[in-house]
Structures are given as structure tokens and as C-alpha cells.
Amino acid sequence: MNGLFSNAAARSAQRSAHASLADLTATVGVSGLAAAQQNPGFMSIIDQHAAGVRDSLNADTRPLTAILLAAYAEGVRDAALQHGWQAPEGEIDWSGDDWVLRRLLAVCSLARTLPASS
């Protein structure tokens, strides 16, 4: 019985992680990645953040997963909120220097490289 429940828990965690990343992509990724495609300098900044995320998650020694990326994004968001950061309301101005938004956008960029969920 343990195998049945642990498999169900793993599938549930995967679904939750993919849903979390989909929400993040909808709120941050779509507009941010479009802005990055229009501005090579901004894309370079996001690529640097993505490298930082990969380093933080030891992605050189273990594969990135939706669960790891979703948990990382949640941790960044939670820490930022505890330190007074406020999520923007409405359309995001990507010309600003918001480290948190850039880091979350990097997570969205990395999430696009994951295999499709089954």
C-alpha cells in the first residue's frame, strides 16, 4: 500500500508544481519573456539570473524539475514579501530594476526547458 500512496503523492506534487509554474508564467513570464525578446541586454540579465537559479539548485549535479523550480520561486517570493517587497499590480514595467521580478522571470525561462508534464 505504501507504493500506491507514495506514487499518488508524487503525482500530486508534480501537478501542484506545474500549476504553480503555470500561474507564475501567466503573471510574470509572458510579459517578461516578451520584453526580453525585444531587448538583448535585458535577456542577458535574465540569463544571468537563470544561471544563478541553476547554481542555487545544484543543477550541474541533478536535473531541474518542476518541483524544484516551483519551490525555489515560492521561497524567493516569500523571502521578498517578508522583507517588504510588494508584487506589482497590473502590467509590469520591465524597465525597472526589480531583482525579485527578474529572478522569478528566470524561473519562468528555466521552466520552459522542462519536459512537458504527462
Protein backbone atom coordinates (compact mmCIF):
# COMPACT_ATOMS: atom_id res chain seq x y z
CA MET A 1 0.00 0.00 0.00
CA ASN A 2 2.82 2.44 0.67
CA GLY A 3 3.82 2.37 -3.01
CA LEU A 4 0.33 3.31 -4.12
CA PHE A 5 0.10 6.27 -1.77
CA SER A 6 3.65 7.48 -2.38
CA ASN A 7 3.04 7.39 -6.15
CA ALA A 8 -0.17 9.34 -5.68
CA ALA A 9 1.66 11.90 -3.52
CA ALA A 10 4.41 12.26 -6.12
CA ARG A 11 1.87 12.80 -8.90
CA SER A 12 0.03 15.34 -6.77
CA ALA A 13 3.27 17.20 -6.04
CA GLN A 14 4.08 17.25 -9.77
CA ARG A 15 0.64 18.60 -10.67
CA SER A 16 0.89 21.25 -7.97
CA ALA A 17 4.36 22.32 -9.11
CA HIS A 18 3.29 22.54 -12.75
CA ALA A 19 0.21 24.56 -11.76
CA SER A 20 2.35 26.93 -9.69
CA LEU A 21 4.78 27.42 -12.58
CA ALA A 22 1.87 27.97 -14.98
CA ASP A 23 0.49 30.69 -12.69
CA LEU A 24 3.93 32.30 -12.41
CA THR A 25 4.32 32.21 -16.17
CA ALA A 26 0.92 33.81 -16.65
CA THR A 27 1.63 36.64 -14.21
CA VAL A 28 5.34 37.23 -14.84
CA GLY A 29 6.67 35.06 -17.64
CA VAL A 30 4.54 36.00 -20.62
CA SER A 31 5.17 39.75 -20.47
CA GLY A 32 8.71 39.40 -19.14
CA LEU A 33 9.88 36.94 -21.77
CA ALA A 34 8.29 39.10 -24.48
CA ALA A 35 10.18 42.12 -23.11
CA ALA A 36 13.41 40.11 -23.00
CA GLN A 37 12.99 39.03 -26.63
CA GLN A 38 12.75 42.69 -27.60
CA ASN A 39 15.80 43.74 -25.58
CA PRO A 40 19.01 41.67 -25.82
CA GLY A 41 20.50 43.45 -22.80
CA PHE A 42 17.52 42.51 -20.67
CA MET A 43 17.67 38.94 -22.00
CA SER A 44 21.30 38.79 -20.88
CA ILE A 45 20.29 39.87 -17.38
CA ILE A 46 17.61 37.17 -17.24
CA ASP A 47 20.12 34.58 -18.49
CA GLN A 48 22.46 35.59 -15.66
CA HIS A 49 19.64 35.18 -13.16
CA ALA A 50 18.80 31.79 -14.67
CA ALA A 51 22.43 30.74 -14.16
CA GLY A 52 22.13 31.87 -10.53
CA VAL A 53 18.97 29.82 -10.05
CA ARG A 54 20.65 26.76 -11.59
CA ASP A 55 23.64 27.24 -9.27
CA SER A 56 21.36 27.58 -6.24
CA LEU A 57 19.60 24.35 -7.15
CA ASN A 58 22.83 22.47 -7.91
CA ALA A 59 21.54 21.87 -11.42
CA ASP A 60 25.01 20.82 -12.51
CA THR A 61 24.67 17.66 -10.41
CA ARG A 62 20.93 16.98 -10.55
CA PRO A 63 18.28 17.71 -13.14
CA LEU A 64 15.91 20.62 -12.80
CA THR A 65 12.34 19.60 -12.09
CA ALA A 66 9.07 21.46 -11.85
CA ILE A 67 9.03 20.74 -8.11
CA LEU A 68 12.48 22.26 -7.57
CA LEU A 69 11.69 25.35 -9.65
CA ALA A 70 8.28 25.92 -8.07
CA ALA A 71 9.70 25.57 -4.56
CA TYR A 72 12.55 27.95 -5.41
CA ALA A 73 10.14 30.56 -6.80
CA GLU A 74 7.94 30.26 -3.73
CA GLY A 75 10.96 30.71 -1.49
CA VAL A 76 12.10 33.81 -3.36
CA ARG A 77 8.61 35.30 -3.23
CA ASP A 78 8.12 34.51 0.47
CA ALA A 79 11.52 35.93 1.48
CA ALA A 80 10.92 39.06 -0.59
CA LEU A 81 7.49 39.63 0.93
CA GLN A 82 8.94 39.22 4.43
CA HIS A 83 11.45 41.95 3.59
CA GLY A 84 8.83 44.40 2.36
CA TRP A 85 8.75 43.68 -1.37
CA GLN A 86 5.36 44.19 -2.95
CA ALA A 87 4.26 42.44 -6.10
CA PRO A 88 3.28 44.92 -8.78
CA GLU A 89 -0.38 45.37 -9.55
CA GLY A 90 -1.40 45.39 -13.16
CA GLU A 91 1.07 45.48 -16.03
CA ILE A 92 4.71 45.01 -15.05
CA ASP A 93 7.21 47.71 -16.03
CA TRP A 94 10.22 45.61 -17.05
CA SER A 95 12.46 48.67 -17.36
CA GLY A 96 12.69 48.85 -13.57
CA ASP A 97 15.48 47.22 -11.57
CA ASP A 98 13.44 44.72 -9.54
CA TRP A 99 15.68 41.78 -8.55
CA VAL A 100 12.75 39.67 -7.37
CA LEU A 101 10.82 40.01 -10.62
CA ARG A 102 13.95 39.27 -12.63
CA ARG A 103 14.65 36.16 -10.55
CA LEU A 104 11.07 34.95 -10.94
CA LEU A 105 11.27 35.61 -14.67
CA ALA A 106 14.44 33.50 -14.77
CA VAL A 107 12.47 30.66 -13.14
CA CYS A 108 9.87 31.01 -15.91
CA SER A 109 12.61 30.87 -18.50
CA LEU A 110 14.04 27.71 -16.95
CA ALA A 111 10.58 26.16 -16.65
CA ARG A 112 10.23 26.41 -20.43
CA THR A 113 13.16 23.98 -20.74
CA LEU A 114 11.47 21.25 -18.69
CA PRO A 115 9.93 18.25 -20.42
CA ALA A 116 6.17 18.55 -20.87
CA SER A 117 4.16 17.13 -17.98
CA SER A 118 2.38 13.88 -18.64
